[in-house]
């Protein structure tokens, strides 16, 4: 029996408390028709506004950049922080494409590099897990990769059921199955097979549970052990993946690295370190487009002070 993808539409989504959300989606539908130059002009203005007016978010970005790139001067770090938030602004505006652009249009706006690494794993009759780093443009991975493979993965629910319905609907245009994080790993593991490609976001700091400390850009970071467990349980190869927007090509670039070597092992710290190194190597292609506004180093080893 084929698993159903997505969330059902219910009349409760039309409750007046969600009318503002629907209005916003209507505006997004119009924005999705704009060319990239106009969308990103809006996005850059939005990012600059966040930089100048959202002190909390700017502080998180600046703290992360000072940890990850201690060699930068204050002026260089501020420049990178502004570039990051402008990229974030562009990504927010570009969600209009994810929600409303057609599959062919989305695929034509992106390029995939490293597809041969997926094919090499599949040639060995092994399952592929794409370790998708939290870049601001990460949503553009599935339209292109979904052209070539049967893909599936999970998503994080929000406090707004209309947005949850919309996100699930959009992802199901590309994927055969999407699972909310709250449903746990069992459904994902049962869906793993060499015929499918799994998307998994492995780099978020979710606390100490199911995590170990491993270096990420030279500083200990709480790193999930779930990724190695999934690879072990599904007899899968794990491939780091990063998505960024190339201003020169005016395209979204999906970069897939080779399968992590000697992964997984019985050493959780070694596995976490291997994964973080694989992600770093790809993030460094366009570091300002990584989600530096997230609290990557929130959880600290015993005895260390909070960083945010």
Protein backbone atom coordinates (compact mmCIF):
# COMPACT_ATOMS: atom_id res chain seq x y z
CA UNK A 1 0.00 0.00 0.00
CA UNK A 2 1.46 3.38 -0.98
CA UNK A 3 2.04 5.79 1.89
CA UNK A 4 0.06 8.99 1.69
CA UNK A 5 2.08 12.18 1.46
CA UNK A 6 1.03 15.49 2.93
CA UNK A 7 -1.57 16.83 5.34
CA UNK A 8 -5.34 16.90 4.72
CA UNK A 9 -7.01 20.24 4.10
CA UNK A 10 -9.67 20.92 6.75
CA UNK A 11 -12.19 23.72 7.12
CA UNK A 12 -10.47 24.75 10.36
CA UNK A 13 -7.68 26.21 8.21
CA UNK A 14 -10.18 28.84 7.03
CA UNK A 15 -10.81 30.15 10.55
CA UNK A 16 -10.62 33.98 10.73
CA UNK A 17 -7.47 33.81 12.87
CA UNK A 18 -5.65 32.46 9.80
CA UNK A 19 -6.96 35.03 7.31
CA UNK A 20 -3.81 37.13 7.63
CA UNK A 21 -1.75 34.04 6.78
CA UNK A 22 -3.86 33.41 3.69
CA UNK A 23 -3.47 37.07 2.70
CA UNK A 24 0.29 36.71 3.03
CA UNK A 25 0.20 33.61 0.84
CA UNK A 26 -1.78 35.57 -1.74
CA UNK A 27 0.93 38.23 -1.82
CA UNK A 28 3.56 35.46 -2.10
CA UNK A 29 1.71 34.04 -5.12
CA UNK A 30 2.08 37.42 -6.85
CA UNK A 31 5.74 37.80 -5.81
CA UNK A 32 6.51 34.35 -7.24
CA UNK A 33 5.85 35.82 -10.70
CA UNK A 34 8.57 38.45 -10.29
CA UNK A 35 11.99 37.95 -11.93
CA UNK A 36 14.95 37.16 -9.68
CA UNK A 37 16.32 40.70 -9.91
CA UNK A 38 13.17 42.18 -8.38
CA UNK A 39 12.68 39.42 -5.79
CA UNK A 40 16.25 39.76 -4.58
CA UNK A 41 16.11 43.55 -4.56
CA UNK A 42 13.21 43.18 -2.13
CA UNK A 43 15.11 40.48 -0.22
CA UNK A 44 18.24 42.60 0.12
CA UNK A 45 16.19 45.49 1.50
CA UNK A 46 14.52 43.12 3.95
CA UNK A 47 17.87 41.70 5.07
CA UNK A 48 19.36 45.16 5.57
CA UNK A 49 16.32 46.10 7.64
CA UNK A 50 16.82 43.02 9.87
CA UNK A 51 20.52 43.89 10.24
CA UNK A 52 19.76 47.44 11.33
CA UNK A 53 16.69 46.82 13.49
CA UNK A 54 16.72 43.28 14.89
CA UNK A 55 19.43 43.47 17.55
CA UNK A 56 18.79 39.98 18.89
CA UNK A 57 19.16 38.27 15.52
CA UNK A 58 22.18 40.39 14.62
CA UNK A 59 23.80 39.45 17.95
CA UNK A 60 23.33 35.73 17.27
CA UNK A 61 24.80 36.05 13.78
CA UNK A 62 27.77 38.10 15.00
CA UNK A 63 28.43 35.68 17.88
CA UNK A 64 28.41 32.68 15.54
CA UNK A 65 30.71 34.39 13.05
CA UNK A 66 33.17 35.38 15.79
CA UNK A 67 33.29 31.74 16.90
CA UNK A 68 33.53 30.19 13.43
CA UNK A 69 35.80 32.83 11.85
CA UNK A 70 37.96 34.32 14.65
CA UNK A 71 40.45 35.57 12.08
CA UNK A 72 37.99 38.18 10.76
CA UNK A 73 38.26 41.78 11.87
CA UNK A 74 35.19 43.53 13.29
CA UNK A 75 34.64 45.27 9.96
CA UNK A 76 34.94 41.99 8.02
CA UNK A 77 32.59 40.23 10.42
CA UNK A 78 30.00 43.01 10.16
CA UNK A 79 30.23 42.86 6.37
CA UNK A 80 29.69 39.09 6.42
CA UNK A 81 26.79 39.44 8.88
CA UNK A 82 25.10 41.94 6.57
CA UNK A 83 25.70 39.70 3.54
CA UNK A 84 24.24 36.77 5.46
CA UNK A 85 21.07 38.60 6.48
CA UNK A 86 20.62 39.90 2.94
CA UNK A 87 20.84 36.30 1.70
CA UNK A 88 18.33 35.34 4.37
CA UNK A 89 16.01 38.12 3.19
CA UNK A 90 16.27 36.84 -0.38
CA UNK A 91 15.51 33.32 0.81
CA UNK A 92 12.38 34.51 2.62
CA UNK A 93 11.15 36.19 -0.55
CA UNK A 94 12.11 33.15 -2.62
CA UNK A 95 9.82 30.97 -0.52
CA UNK A 96 7.16 32.36 -2.86
CA UNK A 97 8.72 30.17 -5.57
CA UNK A 98 8.73 27.09 -3.36
CA UNK A 99 5.06 27.63 -2.63
CA UNK A 100 3.77 28.61 -6.06
CA UNK A 101 6.25 28.10 -8.92
CA UNK A 102 5.77 25.07 -11.15
CA UNK A 103 8.05 22.05 -10.89
CA UNK A 104 9.68 22.64 -14.27
CA UNK A 105 10.35 26.30 -13.52
CA UNK A 106 11.91 25.45 -10.16
CA UNK A 107 14.11 22.77 -11.68
CA UNK A 108 15.24 25.10 -14.46
CA UNK A 109 16.44 27.63 -11.89
CA UNK A 110 18.90 25.25 -10.23
CA UNK A 111 21.90 23.06 -10.99
CA UNK A 112 23.04 19.90 -9.26
CA UNK A 113 26.73 19.12 -8.80
CA UNK A 114 27.81 15.75 -7.43
CA UNK A 115 24.96 13.63 -8.74
CA UNK A 116 27.59 11.02 -9.59
CA UNK A 117 28.13 10.46 -5.86
CA UNK A 118 24.49 9.44 -5.45
CA UNK A 119 24.69 7.14 -8.47
CA UNK A 120 27.89 5.53 -7.16
CA UNK A 121 26.16 4.58 -3.91
CA UNK A 122 23.04 3.32 -5.65
CA UNK A 123 25.19 1.22 -7.99
CA UNK A 124 26.25 -0.70 -4.87
CA UNK A 125 22.58 -1.26 -3.98
CA UNK A 126 22.89 0.94 -0.90
CA UNK A 127 20.52 3.55 0.47
CA UNK A 128 21.47 7.23 0.15
CA UNK A 129 21.01 9.77 2.94
CA UNK A 130 21.62 13.35 1.86
CA UNK A 131 22.86 15.32 4.87
CA UNK A 132 21.36 18.67 3.97
CA UNK A 133 23.05 21.54 5.77
CA UNK A 134 20.92 24.42 7.04
CA UNK A 135 21.58 26.92 4.27
CA UNK A 136 19.11 29.72 3.67
CA UNK A 137 18.31 28.24 0.24
CA UNK A 138 17.99 24.60 1.33
CA UNK A 139 14.39 24.30 0.04
CA UNK A 140 15.67 24.42 -3.53
CA UNK A 141 17.34 21.01 -3.20
CA UNK A 142 14.23 18.86 -3.53
CA UNK A 143 12.83 20.24 -6.84
CA UNK A 144 16.05 19.44 -8.70
CA UNK A 145 16.97 16.18 -6.96
CA UNK A 146 13.35 15.06 -7.09
CA UNK A 147 13.56 15.18 -10.89
CA UNK A 148 16.03 12.31 -10.82
CA UNK A 149 15.15 10.22 -7.77
CA UNK A 150 12.32 9.11 -5.51
CA UNK A 151 12.99 11.33 -2.48
CA UNK A 152 11.56 11.51 1.02
CA UNK A 153 12.32 13.16 4.34
CA UNK A 154 11.01 14.97 7.39
CA UNK A 155 9.93 18.49 8.28
CA UNK A 156 9.59 20.56 11.44
CA UNK A 157 6.09 21.64 12.30
CA UNK A 158 5.30 25.26 13.12
CA UNK A 159 2.69 26.93 15.34
CA UNK A 160 0.62 27.78 12.27
CA UNK A 161 -1.30 24.83 10.75
CA UNK A 162 -1.86 26.73 7.48
CA UNK A 163 1.91 27.04 6.99
CA UNK A 164 2.34 23.37 7.95
CA UNK A 165 -0.25 22.35 5.36
CA UNK A 166 1.39 24.54 2.74
CA UNK A 167 4.92 23.27 3.45
CA UNK A 168 3.81 19.63 3.39
CA UNK A 169 1.85 20.26 0.17
CA UNK A 170 4.87 21.82 -1.52
CA UNK A 171 7.29 19.12 -0.43
CA UNK A 172 4.92 16.41 -1.59
CA UNK A 173 5.08 17.87 -5.10
CA UNK A 174 8.69 16.65 -5.14
CA UNK A 175 8.78 13.84 -2.58
CA UNK A 176 6.84 10.62 -2.19
CA UNK A 177 6.76 10.93 1.61
CA UNK A 178 7.24 13.67 4.19
CA UNK A 179 7.21 12.94 7.91
CA UNK A 180 6.93 15.48 10.72
CA UNK A 181 9.78 15.42 13.22
CA UNK A 182 7.24 14.68 15.97
CA UNK A 183 6.43 11.33 14.35
CA UNK A 184 9.90 10.07 15.24
CA UNK A 185 12.41 8.03 13.28
CA UNK A 186 10.52 4.76 12.90
CA UNK A 187 8.55 5.87 9.85
CA UNK A 188 11.70 7.20 8.18
CA UNK A 189 13.67 4.02 8.83
CA UNK A 190 10.84 1.82 7.50
CA UNK A 191 10.81 3.91 4.31
CA UNK A 192 14.54 3.56 3.61
CA UNK A 193 15.55 1.54 0.58
CA UNK A 194 18.15 1.68 -2.23
CA UNK A 195 15.36 2.83 -4.58
CA UNK A 196 14.84 6.03 -2.59
CA UNK A 197 16.96 9.00 -1.53
CA UNK A 198 16.44 10.32 1.96
CA UNK A 199 16.80 13.98 3.00
CA UNK A 200 17.95 14.62 6.55
CA UNK A 201 19.00 17.87 8.24
CA UNK A 202 21.66 16.80 10.75
CA UNK A 203 23.29 19.98 12.03
CA UNK A 204 20.80 21.60 14.43
CA UNK A 205 21.68 21.92 18.13
CA UNK A 206 18.80 20.09 19.84
CA UNK A 207 20.38 19.77 23.27
CA UNK A 208 22.22 16.89 24.94
CA UNK A 209 19.79 14.07 24.18
CA UNK A 210 20.97 11.82 21.33
CA UNK A 211 23.99 14.08 20.85
CA UNK A 212 27.70 14.34 21.56
CA UNK A 213 30.10 17.25 21.47
CA UNK A 214 32.24 17.44 18.35
CA UNK A 215 34.17 20.30 16.74
CA UNK A 216 32.34 22.48 14.22
CA UNK A 217 34.43 25.32 12.84
CA UNK A 218 36.94 24.71 15.62
CA UNK A 219 34.52 24.88 18.56
CA UNK A 220 32.72 22.05 20.36
CA UNK A 221 29.10 21.82 19.23
CA UNK A 222 26.27 19.56 20.35
CA UNK A 223 25.97 17.24 17.34
CA UNK A 224 23.23 14.70 16.72
CA UNK A 225 24.10 11.01 16.81
CA UNK A 226 20.81 10.30 15.01
CA UNK A 227 22.46 10.58 11.61
CA UNK A 228 24.92 7.76 12.27
CA UNK A 229 22.12 5.66 13.76
CA UNK A 230 20.01 6.13 10.63
CA UNK A 231 22.96 5.17 8.42
CA UNK A 232 23.60 2.08 10.50
CA UNK A 233 19.97 0.98 10.72
CA UNK A 234 19.35 1.58 7.01
CA UNK A 235 22.74 0.30 5.86
CA UNK A 236 23.06 3.64 4.12
CA UNK A 237 25.79 5.97 2.89
CA UNK A 238 25.69 9.57 4.09
CA UNK A 239 26.46 12.36 1.61
CA UNK A 240 26.92 15.99 2.77
CA UNK A 241 24.82 18.44 0.75
CA UNK A 242 24.71 22.24 0.56
CA UNK A 243 22.53 24.64 -1.43
CA UNK A 244 23.39 28.24 -2.24
CA UNK A 245 22.43 30.94 -4.71
CA UNK A 246 25.10 31.84 -7.26
CA UNK A 247 24.81 35.54 -8.07
CA UNK A 248 26.83 35.21 -11.28
CA UNK A 249 24.87 32.29 -12.72
CA UNK A 250 21.62 33.50 -11.17
CA UNK A 251 20.88 29.93 -10.17
CA UNK A 252 20.47 27.83 -7.05
CA UNK A 253 23.40 25.44 -6.81
CA UNK A 254 22.95 22.05 -5.13
CA UNK A 255 26.35 20.60 -4.21
CA UNK A 256 26.59 16.98 -3.11
CA UNK A 257 29.83 15.67 -1.65
CA UNK A 258 31.11 12.09 -1.77
CA UNK A 259 29.88 9.60 0.79
CA UNK A 260 31.49 10.03 4.20
CA UNK A 261 34.34 7.56 4.56
CA UNK A 262 34.50 5.10 7.45
CA UNK A 263 31.01 6.13 8.53
CA UNK A 264 29.30 5.11 10.68
CA UNK A 265 31.59 3.51 13.25
CA UNK A 266 31.11 2.50 16.87
CA UNK A 267 32.63 5.79 18.00
CA UNK A 268 29.89 8.44 18.27
CA UNK A 269 32.32 11.36 18.65
CA UNK A 270 34.38 10.24 15.65
CA UNK A 271 31.19 9.93 13.57
CA UNK A 272 29.98 13.39 14.61
CA UNK A 273 33.38 14.87 13.81
CA UNK A 274 33.43 13.22 10.38
CA UNK A 275 29.97 14.55 9.58
CA UNK A 276 30.77 18.10 10.74
CA UNK A 277 33.95 18.14 8.66
CA UNK A 278 32.02 16.99 5.59
CA UNK A 279 29.45 19.74 6.07
CA UNK A 280 32.08 22.42 6.71
CA UNK A 281 33.85 21.60 3.45
CA UNK A 282 30.68 22.38 1.49
CA UNK A 283 29.53 25.34 3.59
CA UNK A 284 32.87 27.01 2.89
CA UNK A 285 31.84 27.38 -0.75
CA UNK A 286 29.42 30.13 0.28
CA UNK A 287 29.65 30.52 4.07
CA UNK A 288 27.51 33.66 4.27
CA UNK A 289 24.51 31.59 3.09
CA UNK A 290 24.65 29.18 6.02
CA UNK A 291 22.00 29.87 8.68
CA UNK A 292 24.18 31.79 11.10
CA UNK A 293 21.07 33.26 12.76
CA UNK A 294 20.50 29.90 14.47
CA UNK A 295 22.06 29.18 17.86
CA UNK A 296 24.50 26.52 16.69
CA UNK A 297 26.52 26.64 19.91
CA UNK A 298 23.67 27.02 22.40
CA UNK A 299 24.35 23.80 24.33
CA UNK A 300 27.73 23.97 26.05
CA UNK A 301 29.94 21.32 27.65
CA UNK A 302 29.89 21.21 31.44
CA UNK A 303 31.70 24.15 32.97
CA UNK A 304 31.44 26.43 29.92
CA UNK A 305 29.48 29.68 29.95
CA UNK A 306 26.55 30.33 27.62
CA UNK A 307 27.54 32.06 24.39
CA UNK A 308 24.28 33.84 23.56
